[in-house]
């Protein structure tokens, strides 16, 4: 019995891959928000 060929790897459009990169950037934006929390706390701007 011959081995069946593996299905071809799925390809993604550039737009879909850019959307994935944008999601990672969205996650990374939390680090900037964390810095802003620290700066606001040090400045006494509790509500912000």
ModelCIF file with pLDDT and N, C-alpha, C, O atoms, coordinates in Angstrom:
data_MODEL
#
_entry.id   MODEL 
#
_entity.id                         1 
_entity.type                       polymer 
_entity.pdbx_number_of_molecules   1 
#
_entity_poly.entity_id                      1 
_entity_poly.type                           'polypeptide(L)' 
_entity_poly.nstd_linkage                   no 
_entity_poly.nstd_monomer                   no 
_entity_poly.pdbx_seq_one_letter_code       
;(UNK)(UNK)(UNK)(UNK)(UNK)(UNK)(UNK)(UNK)(UNK)(UNK)(UNK)(UNK)(UNK)(UNK)(UNK)(UNK)
(UNK)(UNK)(UNK)(UNK)(UNK)(UNK)(UNK)(UNK)(UNK)(UNK)(UNK)(UNK)(UNK)(UNK)(UNK)(UNK)
(UNK)(UNK)(UNK)(UNK)(UNK)(UNK)(UNK)(UNK)(UNK)(UNK)(UNK)(UNK)(UNK)(UNK)(UNK)(UNK)
;
_entity_poly.pdbx_seq_one_letter_code_can   XXXXXXXXXXXXXXXXXXXXXXXXXXXXXXXXXXXXXXXXXXXXXXXX 
_entity_poly.pdbx_strand_id                 A 
#
loop_
_entity_poly_seq.entity_id 
_entity_poly_seq.num 
_entity_poly_seq.mon_id 
_entity_poly_seq.hetero 
1 1  UNK n 
1 2  UNK n 
1 3  UNK n 
1 4  UNK n 
1 5  UNK n 
1 6  UNK n 
1 7  UNK n 
1 8  UNK n 
1 9  UNK n 
1 10 UNK n 
1 11 UNK n 
1 12 UNK n 
1 13 UNK n 
1 14 UNK n 
1 15 UNK n 
1 16 UNK n 
1 17 UNK n 
1 18 UNK n 
1 19 UNK n 
1 20 UNK n 
1 21 UNK n 
1 22 UNK n 
1 23 UNK n 
1 24 UNK n 
1 25 UNK n 
1 26 UNK n 
1 27 UNK n 
1 28 UNK n 
1 29 UNK n 
1 30 UNK n 
1 31 UNK n 
1 32 UNK n 
1 33 UNK n 
1 34 UNK n 
1 35 UNK n 
1 36 UNK n 
1 37 UNK n 
1 38 UNK n 
1 39 UNK n 
1 40 UNK n 
1 41 UNK n 
1 42 UNK n 
1 43 UNK n 
1 44 UNK n 
1 45 UNK n 
1 46 UNK n 
1 47 UNK n 
1 48 UNK n 
#
_struct_asym.id          A 
_struct_asym.entity_id   1 
#
loop_
_ma_qa_metric.id 
_ma_qa_metric.mode 
_ma_qa_metric.name 
_ma_qa_metric.software_group_id 
_ma_qa_metric.type 
1 global pLDDT . pLDDT 
2 local  pLDDT . pLDDT 
#
_ma_qa_metric_global.metric_id      1 
_ma_qa_metric_global.metric_value   86.48 
_ma_qa_metric_global.model_id       1 
_ma_qa_metric_global.ordinal_id     1 
#
loop_
_ma_qa_metric_local.label_asym_id 
_ma_qa_metric_local.label_comp_id 
_ma_qa_metric_local.label_seq_id 
_ma_qa_metric_local.metric_id 
_ma_qa_metric_local.metric_value 
_ma_qa_metric_local.model_id 
_ma_qa_metric_local.ordinal_id 
A UNK 1  2 42.00 1 1  
A UNK 2  2 45.00 1 2  
A UNK 3  2 48.00 1 3  
A UNK 4  2 54.00 1 4  
A UNK 5  2 52.00 1 5  
A UNK 6  2 48.00 1 6  
A UNK 7  2 48.00 1 7  
A UNK 8  2 51.00 1 8  
A UNK 9  2 56.00 1 9  
A UNK 10 2 69.00 1 10 
A UNK 11 2 78.00 1 11 
A UNK 12 2 84.00 1 12 
A UNK 13 2 88.00 1 13 
A UNK 14 2 90.00 1 14 
A UNK 15 2 92.00 1 15 
A UNK 16 2 92.00 1 16 
A UNK 17 2 92.00 1 17 
A UNK 18 2 95.00 1 18 
A UNK 19 2 95.00 1 19 
A UNK 20 2 94.00 1 20 
A UNK 21 2 96.00 1 21 
A UNK 22 2 97.00 1 22 
A UNK 23 2 97.00 1 23 
A UNK 24 2 97.00 1 24 
A UNK 25 2 98.00 1 25 
A UNK 26 2 98.00 1 26 
A UNK 27 2 98.00 1 27 
A UNK 28 2 98.00 1 28 
A UNK 29 2 98.00 1 29 
A UNK 30 2 98.00 1 30 
A UNK 31 2 98.00 1 31 
A UNK 32 2 98.00 1 32 
A UNK 33 2 98.00 1 33 
A UNK 34 2 98.00 1 34 
A UNK 35 2 98.00 1 35 
A UNK 36 2 98.00 1 36 
A UNK 37 2 98.00 1 37 
A UNK 38 2 98.00 1 38 
A UNK 39 2 98.00 1 39 
A UNK 40 2 98.00 1 40 
A UNK 41 2 98.00 1 41 
A UNK 42 2 98.00 1 42 
A UNK 43 2 98.00 1 43 
A UNK 44 2 97.00 1 44 
A UNK 45 2 98.00 1 45 
A UNK 46 2 98.00 1 46 
A UNK 47 2 98.00 1 47 
A UNK 48 2 98.00 1 48 
#
loop_
_atom_site.group_PDB 
_atom_site.id 
_atom_site.type_symbol 
_atom_site.label_atom_id 
_atom_site.label_alt_id 
_atom_site.label_comp_id 
_atom_site.label_asym_id 
_atom_site.label_entity_id 
_atom_site.label_seq_id 
_atom_site.pdbx_PDB_ins_code 
_atom_site.Cartn_x 
_atom_site.Cartn_y 
_atom_site.Cartn_z 
_atom_site.occupancy 
_atom_site.B_iso_or_equiv 
_atom_site.pdbx_formal_charge 
_atom_site.auth_seq_id 
_atom_site.auth_comp_id 
_atom_site.auth_asym_id 
_atom_site.auth_atom_id 
_atom_site.pdbx_PDB_model_num 
ATOM 1   N N  . UNK A 1 1  ? 0.847  -1.190 0.000  1.00 42.00 ? 1  UNK A N  1 
ATOM 2   C CA . UNK A 1 1  ? 0.000  0.000  0.000  1.00 42.00 ? 1  UNK A CA 1 
ATOM 3   C C  . UNK A 1 1  ? 0.886  1.244  0.000  1.00 42.00 ? 1  UNK A C  1 
ATOM 4   O O  . UNK A 1 1  ? 1.736  1.417  0.874  1.00 42.00 ? 1  UNK A O  1 
ATOM 5   N N  . UNK A 1 2  ? 0.674  2.102  -0.987 1.00 45.00 ? 2  UNK A N  1 
ATOM 6   C CA . UNK A 1 2  ? 1.504  3.282  -1.116 1.00 45.00 ? 2  UNK A CA 1 
ATOM 7   C C  . UNK A 1 2  ? 1.087  4.341  -0.102 1.00 45.00 ? 2  UNK A C  1 
ATOM 8   O O  . UNK A 1 2  ? -0.091 4.490  0.222  1.00 45.00 ? 2  UNK A O  1 
ATOM 9   N N  . UNK A 1 3  ? 2.105  5.084  0.398  1.00 48.00 ? 3  UNK A N  1 
ATOM 10  C CA . UNK A 1 3  ? 1.812  6.188  1.308  1.00 48.00 ? 3  UNK A CA 1 
ATOM 11  C C  . UNK A 1 3  ? 1.098  7.298  0.544  1.00 48.00 ? 3  UNK A C  1 
ATOM 12  O O  . UNK A 1 3  ? 1.473  7.658  -0.572 1.00 48.00 ? 3  UNK A O  1 
ATOM 13  N N  . UNK A 1 4  ? 0.071  7.820  1.173  1.00 54.00 ? 4  UNK A N  1 
ATOM 14  C CA . UNK A 1 4  ? -0.634 8.931  0.558  1.00 54.00 ? 4  UNK A CA 1 
ATOM 15  C C  . UNK A 1 4  ? 0.172  10.211 0.733  1.00 54.00 ? 4  UNK A C  1 
ATOM 16  O O  . UNK A 1 4  ? 0.804  10.429 1.767  1.00 54.00 ? 4  UNK A O  1 
ATOM 17  N N  . UNK A 1 5  ? 0.138  11.037 -0.278 1.00 52.00 ? 5  UNK A N  1 
ATOM 18  C CA . UNK A 1 5  ? 0.878  12.297 -0.210 1.00 52.00 ? 5  UNK A CA 1 
ATOM 19  C C  . UNK A 1 5  ? 0.253  13.197 0.851  1.00 52.00 ? 5  UNK A C  1 
ATOM 20  O O  . UNK A 1 5  ? -0.969 13.256 0.995  1.00 52.00 ? 5  UNK A O  1 
ATOM 21  N N  . UNK A 1 6  ? 1.097  13.885 1.578  1.00 48.00 ? 6  UNK A N  1 
ATOM 22  C CA . UNK A 1 6  ? 0.611  14.815 2.602  1.00 48.00 ? 6  UNK A CA 1 
ATOM 23  C C  . UNK A 1 6  ? -0.124 15.969 1.933  1.00 48.00 ? 6  UNK A C  1 
ATOM 24  O O  . UNK A 1 6  ? 0.291  16.435 0.872  1.00 48.00 ? 6  UNK A O  1 
ATOM 25  N N  . UNK A 1 7  ? -1.198 16.428 2.534  1.00 48.00 ? 7  UNK A N  1 
ATOM 26  C CA . UNK A 1 7  ? -1.932 17.547 1.941  1.00 48.00 ? 7  UNK A CA 1 
ATOM 27  C C  . UNK A 1 7  ? -1.051 18.780 1.891  1.00 48.00 ? 7  UNK A C  1 
ATOM 28  O O  . UNK A 1 7  ? -0.218 18.981 2.774  1.00 48.00 ? 7  UNK A O  1 
ATOM 29  N N  . UNK A 1 8  ? -1.219 19.599 0.884  1.00 51.00 ? 8  UNK A N  1 
ATOM 30  C CA . UNK A 1 8  ? -0.382 20.803 0.785  1.00 51.00 ? 8  UNK A CA 1 
ATOM 31  C C  . UNK A 1 8  ? -0.639 21.740 1.960  1.00 51.00 ? 8  UNK A C  1 
ATOM 32  O O  . UNK A 1 8  ? -1.760 21.866 2.453  1.00 51.00 ? 8  UNK A O  1 
ATOM 33  N N  . UNK A 1 9  ? 0.438  22.391 2.390  1.00 56.00 ? 9  UNK A N  1 
ATOM 34  C CA . UNK A 1 9  ? 0.309  23.343 3.495  1.00 56.00 ? 9  UNK A CA 1 
ATOM 35  C C  . UNK A 1 9  ? -0.597 24.502 3.081  1.00 56.00 ? 9  UNK A C  1 
ATOM 36  O O  . UNK A 1 9  ? -0.534 24.992 1.953  1.00 56.00 ? 9  UNK A O  1 
ATOM 37  N N  . UNK A 1 10 ? -1.422 24.917 4.003  1.00 69.00 ? 10 UNK A N  1 
ATOM 38  C CA . UNK A 1 10 ? -2.340 26.014 3.705  1.00 69.00 ? 10 UNK A CA 1 
ATOM 39  C C  . UNK A 1 10 ? -1.567 27.314 3.565  1.00 69.00 ? 10 UNK A C  1 
ATOM 40  O O  . UNK A 1 10 ? -0.656 27.603 4.341  1.00 69.00 ? 10 UNK A O  1 
ATOM 41  N N  . UNK A 1 11 ? -1.937 28.071 2.587  1.00 78.00 ? 11 UNK A N  1 
ATOM 42  C CA . UNK A 1 11 ? -1.306 29.367 2.374  1.00 78.00 ? 11 UNK A CA 1 
ATOM 43  C C  . UNK A 1 11 ? -2.267 30.465 2.830  1.00 78.00 ? 11 UNK A C  1 
ATOM 44  O O  . UNK A 1 11 ? -3.487 30.320 2.759  1.00 78.00 ? 11 UNK A O  1 
ATOM 45  N N  . UNK A 1 12 ? -1.691 31.545 3.292  1.00 84.00 ? 12 UNK A N  1 
ATOM 46  C CA . UNK A 1 12 ? -2.494 32.653 3.788  1.00 84.00 ? 12 UNK A CA 1 
ATOM 47  C C  . UNK A 1 12 ? -2.181 33.903 2.980  1.00 84.00 ? 12 UNK A C  1 
ATOM 48  O O  . UNK A 1 12 ? -1.045 34.127 2.561  1.00 84.00 ? 12 UNK A O  1 
ATOM 49  N N  . UNK A 1 13 ? -3.198 34.697 2.777  1.00 88.00 ? 13 UNK A N  1 
ATOM 50  C CA . UNK A 1 13 ? -3.009 35.944 2.040  1.00 88.00 ? 13 UNK A CA 1 
ATOM 51  C C  . UNK A 1 13 ? -2.161 36.914 2.871  1.00 88.00 ? 13 UNK A C  1 
ATOM 52  O O  . UNK A 1 13 ? -2.050 36.778 4.089  1.00 88.00 ? 13 UNK A O  1 
ATOM 53  N N  . UNK A 1 14 ? -1.574 37.880 2.194  1.00 90.00 ? 14 UNK A N  1 
ATOM 54  C CA . UNK A 1 14 ? -0.776 38.881 2.904  1.00 90.00 ? 14 UNK A CA 1 
ATOM 55  C C  . UNK A 1 14 ? -1.640 39.648 3.891  1.00 90.00 ? 14 UNK A C  1 
ATOM 56  O O  . UNK A 1 14 ? -1.198 39.973 4.993  1.00 90.00 ? 14 UNK A O  1 
ATOM 57  N N  . UNK A 1 15 ? -2.868 39.935 3.494  1.00 92.00 ? 15 UNK A N  1 
ATOM 58  C CA . UNK A 1 15 ? -3.769 40.657 4.387  1.00 92.00 ? 15 UNK A CA 1 
ATOM 59  C C  . UNK A 1 15 ? -4.058 39.885 5.658  1.00 92.00 ? 15 UNK A C  1 
ATOM 60  O O  . UNK A 1 15 ? -4.117 40.460 6.745  1.00 92.00 ? 15 UNK A O  1 
ATOM 61  N N  . UNK A 1 16 ? -4.241 38.562 5.517  1.00 92.00 ? 16 UNK A N  1 
ATOM 62  C CA . UNK A 1 16 ? -4.527 37.743 6.693  1.00 92.00 ? 16 UNK A CA 1 
ATOM 63  C C  . UNK A 1 16 ? -3.316 37.694 7.616  1.00 92.00 ? 16 UNK A C  1 
ATOM 64  O O  . UNK A 1 16 ? -3.453 37.739 8.838  1.00 92.00 ? 16 UNK A O  1 
ATOM 65  N N  . UNK A 1 17 ? -2.111 37.598 7.011  1.00 92.00 ? 17 UNK A N  1 
ATOM 66  C CA . UNK A 1 17 ? -0.903 37.580 7.828  1.00 92.00 ? 17 UNK A CA 1 
ATOM 67  C C  . UNK A 1 17 ? -0.658 38.933 8.503  1.00 92.00 ? 17 UNK A C  1 
ATOM 68  O O  . UNK A 1 17 ? -0.181 38.987 9.637  1.00 92.00 ? 17 UNK A O  1 
ATOM 69  N N  . UNK A 1 18 ? -0.983 40.015 7.808  1.00 95.00 ? 18 UNK A N  1 
ATOM 70  C CA . UNK A 1 18 ? -0.859 41.341 8.420  1.00 95.00 ? 18 UNK A CA 1 
ATOM 71  C C  . UNK A 1 18 ? -1.850 41.506 9.571  1.00 95.00 ? 18 UNK A C  1 
ATOM 72  O O  . UNK A 1 18 ? -1.555 42.151 10.576 1.00 95.00 ? 18 UNK A O  1 
ATOM 73  N N  . UNK A 1 19 ? -3.026 40.911 9.403  1.00 95.00 ? 19 UNK A N  1 
ATOM 74  C CA . UNK A 1 19 ? -4.009 40.957 10.492 1.00 95.00 ? 19 UNK A CA 1 
ATOM 75  C C  . UNK A 1 19 ? -3.469 40.231 11.723 1.00 95.00 ? 19 UNK A C  1 
ATOM 76  O O  . UNK A 1 19 ? -3.663 40.683 12.852 1.00 95.00 ? 19 UNK A O  1 
ATOM 77  N N  . UNK A 1 20 ? -2.787 39.095 11.498 1.00 94.00 ? 20 UNK A N  1 
ATOM 78  C CA . UNK A 1 20 ? -2.172 38.378 12.615 1.00 94.00 ? 20 UNK A CA 1 
ATOM 79  C C  . UNK A 1 20 ? -1.103 39.209 13.301 1.00 94.00 ? 20 UNK A C  1 
ATOM 80  O O  . UNK A 1 20 ? -1.005 39.215 14.528 1.00 94.00 ? 20 UNK A O  1 
ATOM 81  N N  . UNK A 1 21 ? -0.296 39.916 12.502 1.00 96.00 ? 21 UNK A N  1 
ATOM 82  C CA . UNK A 1 21 ? 0.727  40.784 13.077 1.00 96.00 ? 21 UNK A CA 1 
ATOM 83  C C  . UNK A 1 21 ? 0.091  41.924 13.868 1.00 96.00 ? 21 UNK A C  1 
ATOM 84  O O  . UNK A 1 21 ? 0.615  42.337 14.902 1.00 96.00 ? 21 UNK A O  1 
ATOM 85  N N  . UNK A 1 22 ? -1.035 42.426 13.378 1.00 97.00 ? 22 UNK A N  1 
ATOM 86  C CA . UNK A 1 22 ? -1.740 43.497 14.083 1.00 97.00 ? 22 UNK A CA 1 
ATOM 87  C C  . UNK A 1 22 ? -2.266 43.013 15.434 1.00 97.00 ? 22 UNK A C  1 
ATOM 88  O O  . UNK A 1 22 ? -2.290 43.772 16.402 1.00 97.00 ? 22 UNK A O  1 
ATOM 89  N N  . UNK A 1 23 ? -2.685 41.749 15.498 1.00 97.00 ? 23 UNK A N  1 
ATOM 90  C CA . UNK A 1 23 ? -3.140 41.178 16.771 1.00 97.00 ? 23 UNK A CA 1 
ATOM 91  C C  . UNK A 1 23 ? -1.988 41.148 17.768 1.00 97.00 ? 23 UNK A C  1 
ATOM 92  O O  . UNK A 1 23 ? -2.163 41.506 18.932 1.00 97.00 ? 23 UNK A O  1 
ATOM 93  N N  . UNK A 1 24 ? -0.815 40.723 17.318 1.00 97.00 ? 24 UNK A N  1 
ATOM 94  C CA . UNK A 1 24 ? 0.355  40.718 18.203 1.00 97.00 ? 24 UNK A CA 1 
ATOM 95  C C  . UNK A 1 24 ? 0.681  42.131 18.685 1.00 97.00 ? 24 UNK A C  1 
ATOM 96  O O  . UNK A 1 24 ? 1.035  42.326 19.848 1.00 97.00 ? 24 UNK A O  1 
ATOM 97  N N  . UNK A 1 25 ? 0.563  43.106 17.799 1.00 98.00 ? 25 UNK A N  1 
ATOM 98  C CA . UNK A 1 25 ? 0.822  44.490 18.189 1.00 98.00 ? 25 UNK A CA 1 
ATOM 99  C C  . UNK A 1 25 ? -0.217 44.952 19.213 1.00 98.00 ? 25 UNK A C  1 
ATOM 100 O O  . UNK A 1 25 ? 0.098  45.695 20.142 1.00 98.00 ? 25 UNK A O  1 
ATOM 101 N N  . UNK A 1 26 ? -1.449 44.505 19.027 1.00 98.00 ? 26 UNK A N  1 
ATOM 102 C CA . UNK A 1 26 ? -2.523 44.821 19.972 1.00 98.00 ? 26 UNK A CA 1 
ATOM 103 C C  . UNK A 1 26 ? -2.189 44.272 21.358 1.00 98.00 ? 26 UNK A C  1 
ATOM 104 O O  . UNK A 1 26 ? -2.359 44.967 22.360 1.00 98.00 ? 26 UNK A O  1 
ATOM 105 N N  . UNK A 1 27 ? -1.715 43.035 21.416 1.00 98.00 ? 27 UNK A N  1 
ATOM 106 C CA . UNK A 1 27 ? -1.290 42.461 22.691 1.00 98.00 ? 27 UNK A CA 1 
ATOM 107 C C  . UNK A 1 27 ? -0.137 43.262 23.280 1.00 98.00 ? 27 UNK A C  1 
ATOM 108 O O  . UNK A 1 27 ? -0.139 43.584 24.468 1.00 98.00 ? 27 UNK A O  1 
ATOM 109 N N  . UNK A 1 28 ? 0.844  43.583 22.447 1.00 98.00 ? 28 UNK A N  1 
ATOM 110 C CA . UNK A 1 28 ? 2.025  44.318 22.919 1.00 98.00 ? 28 UNK A CA 1 
ATOM 111 C C  . UNK A 1 28 ? 1.665  45.701 23.441 1.00 98.00 ? 28 UNK A C  1 
ATOM 112 O O  . UNK A 1 28 ? 2.378  46.242 24.286 1.00 98.00 ? 28 UNK A O  1 
ATOM 113 N N  . UNK A 1 29 ? 0.575  46.282 22.956 1.00 98.00 ? 29 UNK A N  1 
ATOM 114 C CA . UNK A 1 29 ? 0.179  47.619 23.412 1.00 98.00 ? 29 UNK A CA 1 
ATOM 115 C C  . UNK A 1 29 ? -0.094 47.636 24.914 1.00 98.00 ? 29 UNK A C  1 
ATOM 116 O O  . UNK A 1 29 ? -0.033 48.688 25.551 1.00 98.00 ? 29 UNK A O  1 
ATOM 117 N N  . UNK A 1 30 ? -0.395 46.462 25.476 1.00 98.00 ? 30 UNK A N  1 
ATOM 118 C CA . UNK A 1 30 ? -0.605 46.389 26.917 1.00 98.00 ? 30 UNK A CA 1 
ATOM 119 C C  . UNK A 1 30 ? 0.622  46.814 27.704 1.00 98.00 ? 30 UNK A C  1 
ATOM 120 O O  . UNK A 1 30 ? 0.494  47.351 28.804 1.00 98.00 ? 30 UNK A O  1 
ATOM 121 N N  . UNK A 1 31 ? 1.816  46.581 27.153 1.00 98.00 ? 31 UNK A N  1 
ATOM 122 C CA . UNK A 1 31 ? 3.035  46.985 27.866 1.00 98.00 ? 31 UNK A CA 1 
ATOM 123 C C  . UNK A 1 31 ? 3.122  48.502 27.959 1.00 98.00 ? 31 UNK A C  1 
ATOM 124 O O  . UNK A 1 31 ? 3.595  49.042 28.959 1.00 98.00 ? 31 UNK A O  1 
ATOM 125 N N  . UNK A 1 32 ? 2.666  49.184 26.920 1.00 98.00 ? 32 UNK A N  1 
ATOM 126 C CA . UNK A 1 32 ? 2.648  50.651 26.942 1.00 98.00 ? 32 UNK A CA 1 
ATOM 127 C C  . UNK A 1 32 ? 1.609  51.145 27.946 1.00 98.00 ? 32 UNK A C  1 
ATOM 128 O O  . UNK A 1 32 ? 1.849  52.102 28.682 1.00 98.00 ? 32 UNK A O  1 
ATOM 129 N N  . UNK A 1 33 ? 0.464  50.487 27.967 1.00 98.00 ? 33 UNK A N  1 
ATOM 130 C CA . UNK A 1 33 ? -0.556 50.847 28.948 1.00 98.00 ? 33 UNK A CA 1 
ATOM 131 C C  . UNK A 1 33 ? -0.027 50.642 30.369 1.00 98.00 ? 33 UNK A C  1 
ATOM 132 O O  . UNK A 1 33 ? -0.321 51.431 31.268 1.00 98.00 ? 33 UNK A O  1 
ATOM 133 N N  . UNK A 1 34 ? 0.756  49.575 30.562 1.00 98.00 ? 34 UNK A N  1 
ATOM 134 C CA . UNK A 1 34 ? 1.349  49.342 31.879 1.00 98.00 ? 34 UNK A CA 1 
ATOM 135 C C  . UNK A 1 34 ? 2.265  50.476 32.293 1.00 98.00 ? 34 UNK A C  1 
ATOM 136 O O  . UNK A 1 34 ? 2.239  50.917 33.442 1.00 98.00 ? 34 UNK A O  1 
ATOM 137 N N  . UNK A 1 35 ? 3.081  50.952 31.351 1.00 98.00 ? 35 UNK A N  1 
ATOM 138 C CA . UNK A 1 35 ? 3.952  52.099 31.639 1.00 98.00 ? 35 UNK A CA 1 
ATOM 139 C C  . UNK A 1 35 ? 3.122  53.325 31.998 1.00 98.00 ? 35 UNK A C  1 
ATOM 140 O O  . UNK A 1 35 ? 3.457  54.053 32.932 1.00 98.00 ? 35 UNK A O  1 
ATOM 141 N N  . UNK A 1 36 ? 2.047  53.553 31.264 1.00 98.00 ? 36 UNK A N  1 
ATOM 142 C CA . UNK A 1 36 ? 1.205  54.711 31.530 1.00 98.00 ? 36 UNK A CA 1 
ATOM 143 C C  . UNK A 1 36 ? 0.533  54.612 32.904 1.00 98.00 ? 36 UNK A C  1 
ATOM 144 O O  . UNK A 1 36 ? 0.334  55.623 33.577 1.00 98.00 ? 36 UNK A O  1 
ATOM 145 N N  . UNK A 1 37 ? 0.184  53.382 33.317 1.00 98.00 ? 37 UNK A N  1 
ATOM 146 C CA . UNK A 1 37 ? -0.374 53.195 34.666 1.00 98.00 ? 37 UNK A CA 1 
ATOM 147 C C  . UNK A 1 37 ? 0.651  53.622 35.713 1.00 98.00 ? 37 UNK A C  1 
ATOM 148 O O  . UNK A 1 37 ? 0.326  54.349 36.652 1.00 98.00 ? 37 UNK A O  1 
ATOM 149 N N  . UNK A 1 38 ? 1.876  53.170 35.546 1.00 98.00 ? 38 UNK A N  1 
ATOM 150 C CA . UNK A 1 38 ? 2.938  53.506 36.496 1.00 98.00 ? 38 UNK A CA 1 
ATOM 151 C C  . UNK A 1 38 ? 3.173  55.011 36.536 1.00 98.00 ? 38 UNK A C  1 
ATOM 152 O O  . UNK A 1 38 ? 3.295  55.593 37.614 1.00 98.00 ? 38 UNK A O  1 
ATOM 153 N N  . UNK A 1 39 ? 3.237  55.642 35.372 1.00 98.00 ? 39 UNK A N  1 
ATOM 154 C CA . UNK A 1 39 ? 3.481  57.088 35.327 1.00 98.00 ? 39 UNK A CA 1 
ATOM 155 C C  . UNK A 1 39 ? 2.329  57.861 35.952 1.00 98.00 ? 39 UNK A C  1 
ATOM 156 O O  . UNK A 1 39 ? 2.549  58.831 36.678 1.00 98.00 ? 39 UNK A O  1 
ATOM 157 N N  . UNK A 1 40 ? 1.088  57.430 35.668 1.00 98.00 ? 40 UNK A N  1 
ATOM 158 C CA . UNK A 1 40 ? -0.068 58.099 36.259 1.00 98.00 ? 40 UNK A CA 1 
ATOM 159 C C  . UNK A 1 40 ? -0.077 57.926 37.773 1.00 98.00 ? 40 UNK A C  1 
ATOM 160 O O  . UNK A 1 40 ? -0.410 58.853 38.512 1.00 98.00 ? 40 UNK A O  1 
ATOM 161 N N  . UNK A 1 41 ? 0.294  56.724 38.229 1.00 98.00 ? 41 UNK A N  1 
ATOM 162 C CA . UNK A 1 41 ? 0.349  56.464 39.674 1.00 98.00 ? 41 UNK A CA 1 
ATOM 163 C C  . UNK A 1 41 ? 1.387  57.342 40.346 1.00 98.00 ? 41 UNK A C  1 
ATOM 164 O O  . UNK A 1 41 ? 1.132  57.904 41.410 1.00 98.00 ? 41 UNK A O  1 
ATOM 165 N N  . UNK A 1 42 ? 2.547  57.462 39.738 1.00 98.00 ? 42 UNK A N  1 
ATOM 166 C CA . UNK A 1 42 ? 3.616  58.296 40.315 1.00 98.00 ? 42 UNK A CA 1 
ATOM 167 C C  . UNK A 1 42 ? 3.199  59.769 40.345 1.00 98.00 ? 42 UNK A C  1 
ATOM 168 O O  . UNK A 1 42 ? 3.533  60.500 41.277 1.00 98.00 ? 42 UNK A O  1 
ATOM 169 N N  . UNK A 1 43 ? 2.461  60.193 39.305 1.00 98.00 ? 43 UNK A N  1 
ATOM 170 C CA . UNK A 1 43 ? 1.999  61.590 39.247 1.00 98.00 ? 43 UNK A CA 1 
ATOM 171 C C  . UNK A 1 43 ? 0.793  61.849 40.145 1.00 98.00 ? 43 UNK A C  1 
ATOM 172 O O  . UNK A 1 43 ? 0.349  62.990 40.268 1.00 98.00 ? 43 UNK A O  1 
ATOM 173 N N  . UNK A 1 44 ? 0.259  60.797 40.774 1.00 97.00 ? 44 UNK A N  1 
ATOM 174 C CA . UNK A 1 44 ? -0.897 60.968 41.644 1.00 97.00 ? 44 UNK A CA 1 
ATOM 175 C C  . UNK A 1 44 ? -2.219 61.051 40.914 1.00 97.00 ? 44 UNK A C  1 
ATOM 176 O O  . UNK A 1 44 ? -3.232 61.408 41.515 1.00 97.00 ? 44 UNK A O  1 
ATOM 177 N N  . UNK A 1 45 ? -2.232 60.728 39.621 1.00 98.00 ? 45 UNK A N  1 
ATOM 178 C CA . UNK A 1 45 ? -3.468 60.770 38.827 1.00 98.00 ? 45 UNK A CA 1 
ATOM 179 C C  . UNK A 1 45 ? -4.130 59.394 38.905 1.00 98.00 ? 45 UNK A C  1 
ATOM 180 O O  . UNK A 1 45 ? -4.042 58.589 37.978 1.00 98.00 ? 45 UNK A O  1 
ATOM 181 N N  . UNK A 1 46 ? -4.791 59.148 40.032 1.00 98.00 ? 46 UNK A N  1 
ATOM 182 C CA . UNK A 1 46 ? -5.325 57.813 40.321 1.00 98.00 ? 46 UNK A CA 1 
ATOM 183 C C  . UNK A 1 46 ? -6.423 57.423 39.347 1.00 98.00 ? 46 UNK A C  1 
ATOM 184 O O  . UNK A 1 46 ? -6.462 56.282 38.886 1.00 98.00 ? 46 UNK A O  1 
ATOM 185 N N  . UNK A 1 47 ? -7.313 58.349 39.026 1.00 98.00 ? 47 UNK A N  1 
ATOM 186 C CA . UNK A 1 47 ? -8.437 58.025 38.141 1.00 98.00 ? 47 UNK A CA 1 
ATOM 187 C C  . UNK A 1 47 ? -7.931 57.589 36.768 1.00 98.00 ? 47 UNK A C  1 
ATOM 188 O O  . UNK A 1 47 ? -8.410 56.600 36.213 1.00 98.00 ? 47 UNK A O  1 
ATOM 189 N N  . UNK A 1 48 ? -6.975 58.318 36.228 1.00 98.00 ? 48 UNK A N  1 
ATOM 190 C CA . UNK A 1 48 ? -6.412 57.926 34.927 1.00 98.00 ? 48 UNK A CA 1 
ATOM 191 C C  . UNK A 1 48 ? -5.766 56.551 35.015 1.00 98.00 ? 48 UNK A C  1 
ATOM 192 O O  . UNK A 1 48 ? -5.238 56.052 34.021 1.00 98.00 ? 48 UNK A O  1 
#
